[in-house]
Amino acid sequence: MKAIRLLGLVFVAMLLMAAPAMAQGPSGSYFLEGKYGAAGFGVALAIIGAGIGFGKIGAAALESMARQPEVAKDVRGTMIVVAALLEGATFFGLLICMLCLFL
């Protein structure tokens, strides 16, 4: 019961803090509008996706190494290759967002 009350209190506090955060800024400044907002949103999605991907790669590799310690070297090498491919795809996404921003 205490956890539900605490969760409700946190939810109400977040709602109260959201009102000033969403207040309108000075005239002429628009948050996430146009190509600048789209590029920022695209970069954020690319970074979030990369973080989730790296987390899943690491978790799966550690789990497989714990199950079969004798193949740890093979798993480690495969994990590094997959992480490098993921990093390349992330950089490609960032590059596309930057090209959309500046062209």
PDB file of N, CA and C in Angstrom:
ATOM      1  N   MET A   1       0.819  -1.188   0.000  1.00  0.00           N
ATOM      2  CA  MET A   1       0.000   0.000   0.000  1.00  0.00           C
ATOM      3  C   MET A   1       0.871   1.263   0.000  1.00  0.00           C
ATOM      4  N   LYS A   2       2.011   1.185   0.735  1.00  0.00           N
ATOM      5  CA  LYS A   2       2.902   2.340   0.761  1.00  0.00           C
ATOM      6  C   LYS A   2       3.467   2.628  -0.624  1.00  0.00           C
ATOM      7  N   ALA A   3       3.760   1.570  -1.361  1.00  0.00           N
ATOM      8  CA  ALA A   3       4.331   1.753  -2.699  1.00  0.00           C
ATOM      9  C   ALA A   3       3.334   2.435  -3.627  1.00  0.00           C
ATOM     10  N   ILE A   4       2.061   2.098  -3.504  1.00  0.00           N
ATOM     11  CA  ILE A   4       1.045   2.726  -4.354  1.00  0.00           C
ATOM     12  C   ILE A   4       0.897   4.196  -4.003  1.00  0.00           C
ATOM     13  N   ARG A   5       0.927   4.514  -2.697  1.00  0.00           N
ATOM     14  CA  ARG A   5       0.843   5.922  -2.282  1.00  0.00           C
ATOM     15  C   ARG A   5       2.050   6.705  -2.780  1.00  0.00           C
ATOM     16  N   LEU A   6       3.225   6.114  -2.647  1.00  0.00           N
ATOM     17  CA  LEU A   6       4.437   6.784  -3.119  1.00  0.00           C
ATOM     18  C   LEU A   6       4.395   6.991  -4.625  1.00  0.00           C
ATOM     19  N   LEU A   7       3.938   5.996  -5.362  1.00  0.00           N
ATOM     20  CA  LEU A   7       3.816   6.121  -6.812  1.00  0.00           C
ATOM     21  C   LEU A   7       2.833   7.221  -7.183  1.00  0.00           C
ATOM     22  N   GLY A   8       1.719   7.306  -6.483  1.00  0.00           N
ATOM     23  CA  GLY A   8       0.747   8.370  -6.726  1.00  0.00           C
ATOM     24  C   GLY A   8       1.317   9.743  -6.423  1.00  0.00           C
ATOM     25  N   LEU A   9       2.080   9.862  -5.327  1.00  0.00           N
ATOM     26  CA  LEU A   9       2.700  11.124  -4.973  1.00  0.00           C
ATOM     27  C   LEU A   9       3.719  11.553  -6.021  1.00  0.00           C
ATOM     28  N   VAL A  10       4.501  10.613  -6.503  1.00  0.00           N
ATOM     29  CA  VAL A  10       5.479  10.922  -7.553  1.00  0.00           C
ATOM     30  C   VAL A  10       4.772  11.354  -8.831  1.00  0.00           C
ATOM     31  N   PHE A  11       3.674  10.705  -9.165  1.00  0.00           N
ATOM     32  CA  PHE A  11       2.918  11.062 -10.365  1.00  0.00           C
ATOM     33  C   PHE A  11       2.353  12.478 -10.256  1.00  0.00           C
ATOM     34  N   VAL A  12       1.793  12.827  -9.114  1.00  0.00           N
ATOM     35  CA  VAL A  12       1.250  14.177  -8.915  1.00  0.00           C
ATOM     36  C   VAL A  12       2.368  15.209  -8.963  1.00  0.00           C
ATOM     37  N   ALA A  13       3.514  14.907  -8.362  1.00  0.00           N
ATOM     38  CA  ALA A  13       4.640  15.840  -8.396  1.00  0.00           C
ATOM     39  C   ALA A  13       5.130  16.050  -9.821  1.00  0.00           C
ATOM     40  N   MET A  14       5.157  14.989 -10.613  1.00  0.00           N
ATOM     41  CA  MET A  14       5.577  15.127 -12.011  1.00  0.00           C
ATOM     42  C   MET A  14       4.588  15.986 -12.791  1.00  0.00           C
ATOM     43  N   LEU A  15       3.313  15.811 -12.531  1.00  0.00           N
ATOM     44  CA  LEU A  15       2.320  16.636 -13.214  1.00  0.00           C
ATOM     45  C   LEU A  15       2.453  18.105 -12.837  1.00  0.00           C
ATOM     46  N   LEU A  16       2.751  18.386 -11.581  1.00  0.00           N
ATOM     47  CA  LEU A  16       2.907  19.770 -11.148  1.00  0.00           C
ATOM     48  C   LEU A  16       4.157  20.414 -11.734  1.00  0.00           C
ATOM     49  N   MET A  17       5.201  19.625 -11.914  1.00  0.00           N
ATOM     50  CA  MET A  17       6.433  20.163 -12.490  1.00  0.00           C
ATOM     51  C   MET A  17       6.350  20.294 -14.006  1.00  0.00           C
ATOM     52  N   ALA A  18       5.430  19.615 -14.644  1.00  0.00           N
ATOM     53  CA  ALA A  18       5.341  19.651 -16.102  1.00  0.00           C
ATOM     54  C   ALA A  18       4.777  20.970 -16.600  1.00  0.00           C
ATOM     55  N   ALA A  19       3.943  21.628 -15.812  1.00  0.00           N
ATOM     56  CA  ALA A  19       3.323  22.875 -16.252  1.00  0.00           C
ATOM     57  C   ALA A  19       4.356  23.965 -16.534  1.00  0.00           C
ATOM     58  N   PRO A  20       5.307  24.261 -15.622  1.00  0.00           N
ATOM     59  CA  PRO A  20       6.306  25.282 -15.963  1.00  0.00           C
ATOM     60  C   PRO A  20       7.231  24.841 -17.089  1.00  0.00           C
ATOM     61  N   ALA A  21       7.493  23.555 -17.195  1.00  0.00           N
ATOM     62  CA  ALA A  21       8.400  23.077 -18.232  1.00  0.00           C
ATOM     63  C   ALA A  21       7.792  23.242 -19.620  1.00  0.00           C
ATOM     64  N   MET A  22       6.465  23.190 -19.720  1.00  0.00           N
ATOM     65  CA  MET A  22       5.804  23.313 -21.007  1.00  0.00           C
ATOM     66  C   MET A  22       5.327  24.741 -21.288  1.00  0.00           C
ATOM     67  N   ALA A  23       5.759  25.701 -20.471  1.00  0.00           N
ATOM     68  CA  ALA A  23       5.338  27.082 -20.684  1.00  0.00           C
ATOM     69  C   ALA A  23       5.906  27.594 -22.001  1.00  0.00           C
ATOM     70  N   GLN A  24       5.187  28.525 -22.602  1.00  0.00           N
ATOM     71  CA  GLN A  24       5.602  29.046 -23.896  1.00  0.00           C
ATOM     72  C   GLN A  24       6.815  29.946 -23.724  1.00  0.00           C
ATOM     73  N   GLY A  25       7.780  29.778 -24.585  1.00  0.00           N
ATOM     74  CA  GLY A  25       8.993  30.579 -24.551  1.00  0.00           C
ATOM     75  C   GLY A  25       8.762  31.930 -25.195  1.00  0.00           C
ATOM     76  N   PRO A  26       9.836  32.681 -25.392  1.00  0.00           N
ATOM     77  CA  PRO A  26       9.700  33.981 -26.038  1.00  0.00           C
ATOM     78  C   PRO A  26       9.163  33.850 -27.459  1.00  0.00           C
ATOM     79  N   SER A  27       8.538  34.894 -27.928  1.00  0.00           N
ATOM     80  CA  SER A  27       7.921  34.869 -29.247  1.00  0.00           C
ATOM     81  C   SER A  27       8.972  34.596 -30.321  1.00  0.00           C
ATOM     82  N   GLY A  28       8.657  33.680 -31.209  1.00  0.00           N
ATOM     83  CA  GLY A  28       9.555  33.372 -32.310  1.00  0.00           C
ATOM     84  C   GLY A  28      10.405  32.132 -32.082  1.00  0.00           C
ATOM     85  N   SER A  29      10.447  31.596 -30.872  1.00  0.00           N
ATOM     86  CA  SER A  29      11.226  30.376 -30.660  1.00  0.00           C
ATOM     87  C   SER A  29      10.258  29.209 -30.515  1.00  0.00           C
ATOM     88  N   TYR A  30      10.393  28.258 -31.396  1.00  0.00           N
ATOM     89  CA  TYR A  30       9.500  27.110 -31.387  1.00  0.00           C
ATOM     90  C   TYR A  30      10.320  25.863 -31.143  1.00  0.00           C
ATOM     91  N   PHE A  31       9.875  25.090 -30.193  1.00  0.00           N
ATOM     92  CA  PHE A  31      10.594  23.886 -29.800  1.00  0.00           C
ATOM     93  C   PHE A  31      10.293  22.773 -30.794  1.00  0.00           C
ATOM     94  N   LEU A  32      11.332  22.128 -31.336  1.00  0.00           N
ATOM     95  CA  LEU A  32      11.227  21.008 -32.270  1.00  0.00           C
ATOM     96  C   LEU A  32      10.380  21.338 -33.492  1.00  0.00           C
ATOM     97  N   GLU A  33      10.640  22.462 -34.081  1.00  0.00           N
ATOM     98  CA  GLU A  33       9.897  22.810 -35.282  1.00  0.00           C
ATOM     99  C   GLU A  33      10.862  22.947 -36.454  1.00  0.00           C
ATOM    100  N   GLY A  34      10.454  22.473 -37.590  1.00  0.00           N
ATOM    101  CA  GLY A  34      11.246  22.582 -38.802  1.00  0.00           C
ATOM    102  C   GLY A  34      12.350  21.546 -38.871  1.00  0.00           C
ATOM    103  N   LYS A  35      13.353  21.851 -39.696  1.00  0.00           N
ATOM    104  CA  LYS A  35      14.407  20.868 -39.920  1.00  0.00           C
ATOM    105  C   LYS A  35      15.301  20.691 -38.704  1.00  0.00           C
ATOM    106  N   TYR A  36      15.423  21.714 -37.859  1.00  0.00           N
ATOM    107  CA  TYR A  36      16.256  21.577 -36.671  1.00  0.00           C
ATOM    108  C   TYR A  36      15.634  20.596 -35.674  1.00  0.00           C
ATOM    109  N   GLY A  37      14.355  20.672 -35.498  1.00  0.00           N
ATOM    110  CA  GLY A  37      13.671  19.736 -34.611  1.00  0.00           C
ATOM    111  C   GLY A  37      13.693  18.325 -35.148  1.00  0.00           C
ATOM    112  N   ALA A  38      13.511  18.200 -36.462  1.00  0.00           N
ATOM    113  CA  ALA A  38      13.535  16.863 -37.070  1.00  0.00           C
ATOM    114  C   ALA A  38      14.914  16.234 -36.954  1.00  0.00           C
ATOM    115  N   ALA A  39      15.966  17.029 -37.169  1.00  0.00           N
ATOM    116  CA  ALA A  39      17.322  16.492 -37.046  1.00  0.00           C
ATOM    117  C   ALA A  39      17.615  16.106 -35.602  1.00  0.00           C
ATOM    118  N   GLY A  40      17.215  16.930 -34.660  1.00  0.00           N
ATOM    119  CA  GLY A  40      17.424  16.609 -33.252  1.00  0.00           C
ATOM    120  C   GLY A  40      16.674  15.366 -32.834  1.00  0.00           C
ATOM    121  N   PHE A  41      15.447  15.235 -33.306  1.00  0.00           N
ATOM    122  CA  PHE A  41      14.648  14.053 -32.985  1.00  0.00           C
ATOM    123  C   PHE A  41      15.256  12.806 -33.612  1.00  0.00           C
ATOM    124  N   GLY A  42      15.744  12.918 -34.836  1.00  0.00           N
ATOM    125  CA  GLY A  42      16.376  11.783 -35.500  1.00  0.00           C
ATOM    126  C   GLY A  42      17.650  11.347 -34.802  1.00  0.00           C
ATOM    127  N   VAL A  43      18.457  12.310 -34.378  1.00  0.00           N
ATOM    128  CA  VAL A  43      19.686  11.985 -33.657  1.00  0.00           C
ATOM    129  C   VAL A  43      19.346  11.306 -32.333  1.00  0.00           C
ATOM    130  N   ALA A  44      18.340  11.819 -31.648  1.00  0.00           N
ATOM    131  CA  ALA A  44      17.941  11.221 -30.371  1.00  0.00           C
ATOM    132  C   ALA A  44      17.473   9.784 -30.563  1.00  0.00           C
ATOM    133  N   LEU A  45      16.687   9.528 -31.591  1.00  0.00           N
ATOM    134  CA  LEU A  45      16.236   8.162 -31.848  1.00  0.00           C
ATOM    135  C   LEU A  45      17.399   7.233 -32.184  1.00  0.00           C
ATOM    136  N   ALA A  46      18.363   7.740 -32.953  1.00  0.00           N
ATOM    137  CA  ALA A  46      19.519   6.912 -33.302  1.00  0.00           C
ATOM    138  C   ALA A  46      20.334   6.555 -32.067  1.00  0.00           C
ATOM    139  N   ILE A  47      20.537   7.502 -31.171  1.00  0.00           N
ATOM    140  CA  ILE A  47      21.332   7.254 -29.971  1.00  0.00           C
ATOM    141  C   ILE A  47      20.590   6.324 -29.012  1.00  0.00           C
ATOM    142  N   ILE A  48      19.284   6.537 -28.855  1.00  0.00           N
ATOM    143  CA  ILE A  48      18.498   5.663 -27.978  1.00  0.00           C
ATOM    144  C   ILE A  48      18.494   4.232 -28.514  1.00  0.00           C
ATOM    145  N   GLY A  49      18.311   4.089 -29.823  1.00  0.00           N
ATOM    146  CA  GLY A  49      18.338   2.756 -30.421  1.00  0.00           C
ATOM    147  C   GLY A  49      19.685   2.080 -30.254  1.00  0.00           C
ATOM    148  N   ALA A  50      20.763   2.843 -30.391  1.00  0.00           N
ATOM    149  CA  ALA A  50      22.098   2.272 -30.209  1.00  0.00           C
ATOM    150  C   ALA A  50      22.303   1.839 -28.764  1.00  0.00           C
ATOM    151  N   GLY A  51      21.839   2.631 -27.826  1.00  0.00           N
ATOM    152  CA  GLY A  51      21.971   2.257 -26.421  1.00  0.00           C
ATOM    153  C   GLY A  51      21.227   0.977 -26.089  1.00  0.00           C
ATOM    154  N   ILE A  52      20.024   0.855 -26.609  1.00  0.00           N
ATOM    155  CA  ILE A  52      19.246  -0.367 -26.387  1.00  0.00           C
ATOM    156  C   ILE A  52      19.939  -1.563 -27.043  1.00  0.00           C
ATOM    157  N   GLY A  53      20.442  -1.359 -28.248  1.00  0.00           N
ATOM    158  CA  GLY A  53      21.131  -2.440 -28.953  1.00  0.00           C
ATOM    159  C   GLY A  53      22.387  -2.902 -28.235  1.00  0.00           C
ATOM    160  N   PHE A  54      23.207  -1.956 -27.765  1.00  0.00           N
ATOM    161  CA  PHE A  54      24.416  -2.327 -27.032  1.00  0.00           C
ATOM    162  C   PHE A  54      24.072  -3.048 -25.735  1.00  0.00           C
ATOM    163  N   GLY A  55      23.010  -2.614 -25.082  1.00  0.00           N
ATOM    164  CA  GLY A  55      22.593  -3.298 -23.857  1.00  0.00           C
ATOM    165  C   GLY A  55      22.175  -4.733 -24.114  1.00  0.00           C
ATOM    166  N   LYS A  56      21.419  -4.935 -25.185  1.00  0.00           N
ATOM    167  CA  LYS A  56      20.980  -6.300 -25.510  1.00  0.00           C
ATOM    168  C   LYS A  56      22.156  -7.177 -25.931  1.00  0.00           C
ATOM    169  N   ILE A  57      23.095  -6.617 -26.683  1.00  0.00           N
ATOM    170  CA  ILE A  57      24.272  -7.385 -27.091  1.00  0.00           C
ATOM    171  C   ILE A  57      25.069  -7.817 -25.865  1.00  0.00           C
ATOM    172  N   GLY A  58      25.320  -6.884 -24.969  1.00  0.00           N
ATOM    173  CA  GLY A  58      26.094  -7.198 -23.774  1.00  0.00           C
ATOM    174  C   GLY A  58      25.398  -8.220 -22.892  1.00  0.00           C
ATOM    175  N   ALA A  59      24.088  -8.060 -22.708  1.00  0.00           N
ATOM    176  CA  ALA A  59      23.345  -9.001 -21.863  1.00  0.00           C
ATOM    177  C   ALA A  59      23.356 -10.408 -22.449  1.00  0.00           C
ATOM    178  N   ALA A  60      23.134 -10.507 -23.746  1.00  0.00           N
ATOM    179  CA  ALA A  60      23.114 -11.826 -24.378  1.00  0.00           C
ATOM    180  C   ALA A  60      24.498 -12.480 -24.349  1.00  0.00           C
ATOM    181  N   ALA A  61      25.542 -11.676 -24.560  1.00  0.00           N
ATOM    182  CA  ALA A  61      26.894 -12.238 -24.545  1.00  0.00           C
ATOM    183  C   ALA A  61      27.268 -12.722 -23.151  1.00  0.00           C
ATOM    184  N   LEU A  62      26.965 -11.928 -22.135  1.00  0.00           N
ATOM    185  CA  LEU A  62      27.295 -12.351 -20.775  1.00  0.00           C
ATOM    186  C   LEU A  62      26.498 -13.582 -20.363  1.00  0.00           C
ATOM    187  N   GLU A  63      25.248 -13.648 -20.778  1.00  0.00           N
ATOM    188  CA  GLU A  63      24.436 -14.820 -20.448  1.00  0.00           C
ATOM    189  C   GLU A  63      25.002 -16.081 -21.115  1.00  0.00           C
ATOM    190  N   SER A  64      25.384 -15.961 -22.374  1.00  0.00           N
ATOM    191  CA  SER A  64      25.925 -17.136 -23.062  1.00  0.00           C
ATOM    192  C   SER A  64      27.289 -17.528 -22.515  1.00  0.00           C
ATOM    193  N   MET A  65      28.097 -16.547 -22.087  1.00  0.00           N
ATOM    194  CA  MET A  65      29.388 -16.871 -21.476  1.00  0.00           C
ATOM    195  C   MET A  65      29.195 -17.552 -20.125  1.00  0.00           C
ATOM    196  N   ALA A  66      28.160 -17.160 -19.400  1.00  0.00           N
ATOM    197  CA  ALA A  66      27.902 -17.790 -18.104  1.00  0.00           C
ATOM    198  C   ALA A  66      27.408 -19.221 -18.278  1.00  0.00           C
ATOM    199  N   ARG A  67      26.665 -19.461 -19.348  1.00  0.00           N
ATOM    200  CA  ARG A  67      26.153 -20.815 -19.572  1.00  0.00           C
ATOM    201  C   ARG A  67      27.239 -21.764 -20.071  1.00  0.00           C
ATOM    202  N   GLN A  68      28.100 -21.260 -20.951  1.00  0.00           N
ATOM    203  CA  GLN A  68      29.166 -22.096 -21.516  1.00  0.00           C
ATOM    204  C   GLN A  68      30.487 -21.325 -21.469  1.00  0.00           C
ATOM    205  N   PRO A  69      31.196 -21.387 -20.367  1.00  0.00           N
ATOM    206  CA  PRO A  69      32.450 -20.625 -20.245  1.00  0.00           C
ATOM    207  C   PRO A  69      33.531 -21.036 -21.249  1.00  0.00           C
ATOM    208  N   GLU A  70      33.458 -22.250 -21.761  1.00  0.00           N
ATOM    209  CA  GLU A  70      34.506 -22.704 -22.684  1.00  0.00           C
ATOM    210  C   GLU A  70      34.454 -22.010 -24.045  1.00  0.00           C
ATOM    211  N   VAL A  71      33.331 -21.400 -24.408  1.00  0.00           N
ATOM    212  CA  VAL A  71      33.221 -20.699 -25.689  1.00  0.00           C
ATOM    213  C   VAL A  71      33.238 -19.184 -25.504  1.00  0.00           C
ATOM    214  N   ALA A  72      33.780 -18.724 -24.383  1.00  0.00           N
ATOM    215  CA  ALA A  72      33.758 -17.289 -24.076  1.00  0.00           C
ATOM    216  C   ALA A  72      34.539 -16.472 -25.109  1.00  0.00           C
ATOM    217  N   LYS A  73      35.655 -16.997 -25.591  1.00  0.00           N
ATOM    218  CA  LYS A  73      36.450 -16.253 -26.576  1.00  0.00           C
ATOM    219  C   LYS A  73      35.687 -16.073 -27.885  1.00  0.00           C
ATOM    220  N   ASP A  74      35.004 -17.113 -28.319  1.00  0.00           N
ATOM    221  CA  ASP A  74      34.229 -17.023 -29.559  1.00  0.00           C
ATOM    222  C   ASP A  74      33.082 -16.033 -29.409  1.00  0.00           C
ATOM    223  N   VAL A  75      32.422 -16.085 -28.277  1.00  0.00           N
ATOM    224  CA  VAL A  75      31.294 -15.178 -28.037  1.00  0.00           C
ATOM    225  C   VAL A  75      31.785 -13.743 -27.963  1.00  0.00           C
ATOM    226  N   ARG A  76      32.928 -13.536 -27.305  1.00  0.00           N
ATOM    227  CA  ARG A  76      33.474 -12.182 -27.179  1.00  0.00           C
ATOM    228  C   ARG A  76      33.811 -11.600 -28.549  1.00  0.00           C
ATOM    229  N   GLY A  77      34.425 -12.409 -29.400  1.00  0.00           N
ATOM    230  CA  GLY A  77      34.761 -11.929 -30.739  1.00  0.00           C
ATOM    231  C   GLY A  77      33.532 -11.599 -31.560  1.00  0.00           C
ATOM    232  N   THR A  78      32.530 -12.451 -31.471  1.00  0.00           N
ATOM    233  CA  THR A  78      31.282 -12.195 -32.191  1.00  0.00           C
ATOM    234  C   THR A  78      30.592 -10.942 -31.664  1.00  0.00           C
ATOM    235  N   MET A  79      30.638 -10.774 -30.346  1.00  0.00           N
ATOM    236  CA  MET A  79      30.013  -9.594 -29.743  1.00  0.00           C
ATOM    237  C   MET A  79      30.690  -8.318 -30.236  1.00  0.00           C
ATOM    238  N   ILE A  80      31.989  -8.325 -30.356  1.00  0.00           N
ATOM    239  CA  ILE A  80      32.705  -7.136 -30.823  1.00  0.00           C
ATOM    240  C   ILE A  80      32.361  -6.826 -32.272  1.00  0.00           C
ATOM    241  N   VAL A  81      32.243  -7.848 -33.099  1.00  0.00           N
ATOM    242  CA  VAL A  81      31.870  -7.627 -34.502  1.00  0.00           C
ATOM    243  C   VAL A  81      30.461  -7.052 -34.611  1.00  0.00           C
ATOM    244  N   VAL A  82      29.526  -7.614 -33.851  1.00  0.00           N
ATOM    245  CA  VAL A  82      28.150  -7.118 -33.903  1.00  0.00           C
ATOM    246  C   VAL A  82      28.071  -5.697 -33.354  1.00  0.00           C
ATOM    247  N   ALA A  83      28.823  -5.401 -32.301  1.00  0.00           N
ATOM    248  CA  ALA A  83      28.837  -4.044 -31.749  1.00  0.00           C
ATOM    249  C   ALA A  83      29.418  -3.050 -32.751  1.00  0.00           C
ATOM    250  N   ALA A  84      30.431  -3.462 -33.492  1.00  0.00           N
ATOM    251  CA  ALA A  84      31.002  -2.577 -34.516  1.00  0.00           C
ATOM    252  C   ALA A  84      29.998  -2.308 -35.629  1.00  0.00           C
ATOM    253  N   LEU A  85      29.246  -3.324 -36.026  1.00  0.00           N
ATOM    254  CA  LEU A  85      28.214  -3.115 -37.045  1.00  0.00           C
ATOM    255  C   LEU A  85      27.117  -2.183 -36.541  1.00  0.00           C
ATOM    256  N   LEU A  86      26.738  -2.341 -35.287  1.00  0.00           N
ATOM    257  CA  LEU A  86      25.721  -1.469 -34.700  1.00  0.00           C
ATOM    258  C   LEU A  86      26.223  -0.036 -34.620  1.00  0.00           C
ATOM    259  N   GLU A  87      27.468   0.132 -34.256  1.00  0.00           N
ATOM    260  CA  GLU A  87      28.034   1.473 -34.181  1.00  0.00           C
ATOM    261  C   GLU A  87      28.088   2.121 -35.565  1.00  0.00           C
ATOM    262  N   GLY A  88      28.422   1.342 -36.576  1.00  0.00           N
ATOM    263  CA  GLY A  88      28.426   1.874 -37.939  1.00  0.00           C
ATOM    264  C   GLY A  88      27.041   2.301 -38.390  1.00  0.00           C
ATOM    265  N   ALA A  89      26.040   1.513 -38.071  1.00  0.00           N
ATOM    266  CA  ALA A  89      24.669   1.883 -38.435  1.00  0.00           C
ATOM    267  C   ALA A  89      24.224   3.138 -37.697  1.00  0.00           C
ATOM    268  N   THR A  90      24.656   3.275 -36.451  1.00  0.00           N
ATOM    269  CA  THR A  90      24.315   4.475 -35.681  1.00  0.00           C
ATOM    270  C   THR A  90      24.969   5.708 -36.292  1.00  0.00           C
ATOM    271  N   PHE A  91      26.244   5.597 -36.644  1.00  0.00           N
ATOM    272  CA  PHE A  91      26.920   6.727 -37.279  1.00  0.00           C
ATOM    273  C   PHE A  91      26.283   7.080 -38.609  1.00  0.00           C
ATOM    274  N   PHE A  92      25.816   6.094 -39.353  1.00  0.00           N
ATOM    275  CA  PHE A  92      25.133   6.362 -40.608  1.00  0.00           C
ATOM    276  C   PHE A  92      23.842   7.134 -40.346  1.00  0.00           C
ATOM    277  N   GLY A  93      23.089   6.737 -39.320  1.00  0.00           N
ATOM    278  CA  GLY A  93      21.866   7.472 -38.962  1.00  0.00           C
ATOM    279  C   GLY A  93      22.161   8.903 -38.551  1.00  0.00           C
ATOM    280  N   LEU A  94      23.225   9.094 -37.770  1.00  0.00           N
ATOM    281  CA  LEU A  94      23.610  10.451 -37.379  1.00  0.00           C
ATOM    282  C   LEU A  94      24.033  11.277 -38.586  1.00  0.00           C
ATOM    283  N   LEU A  95      24.745  10.659 -39.512  1.00  0.00           N
ATOM    284  CA  LEU A  95      25.177  11.360 -40.719  1.00  0.00           C
ATOM    285  C   LEU A  95      23.979  11.796 -41.553  1.00  0.00           C
ATOM    286  N   ILE A  96      22.985  10.925 -41.701  1.00  0.00           N
ATOM    287  CA  ILE A  96      21.789  11.273 -42.457  1.00  0.00           C
ATOM    288  C   ILE A  96      21.072  12.438 -41.805  1.00  0.00           C
ATOM    289  N   CYS A  97      20.967  12.422 -40.467  1.00  0.00           N
ATOM    290  CA  CYS A  97      20.312  13.525 -39.761  1.00  0.00           C
ATOM    291  C   CYS A  97      21.071  14.831 -39.958  1.00  0.00           C
ATOM    292  N   MET A  98      22.386  14.775 -39.916  1.00  0.00           N
ATOM    293  CA  MET A  98      23.179  15.995 -40.106  1.00  0.00           C
ATOM    294  C   MET A  98      23.085  16.488 -41.550  1.00  0.00           C
ATOM    295  N   LEU A  99      23.034  15.571 -42.511  1.00  0.00           N
ATOM    296  CA  LEU A  99      22.873  16.007 -43.902  1.00  0.00           C
ATOM    297  C   LEU A  99      21.513  16.660 -44.114  1.00  0.00           C
ATOM    298  N   CYS A 100      20.482  16.117 -43.492  1.00  0.00           N
ATOM    299  CA  CYS A 100      19.160  16.740 -43.593  1.00  0.00           C
ATOM    300  C   CYS A 100      19.148  18.109 -42.944  1.00  0.00           C
ATOM    301  N   LEU A 101      19.949  18.282 -41.917  1.00  0.00           N
ATOM    302  CA  LEU A 101      19.996  19.561 -41.209  1.00  0.00           C
ATOM    303  C   LEU A 101      20.682  20.637 -42.048  1.00  0.00           C
ATOM    304  N   PHE A 102      21.795  20.282 -42.670  1.00  0.00           N
ATOM    305  CA  PHE A 102      22.608  21.291 -43.348  1.00  0.00           C
ATOM    306  C   PHE A 102      22.320  21.420 -44.838  1.00  0.00           C
ATOM    307  N   LEU A 103      21.540  20.548 -45.428  1.00  0.00           N
ATOM    308  CA  LEU A 103      21.241  20.678 -46.852  1.00  0.00           C
ATOM    309  C   LEU A 103      19.834  21.110 -47.088  1.00  0.00           C
TER     310      LEU A 103
END
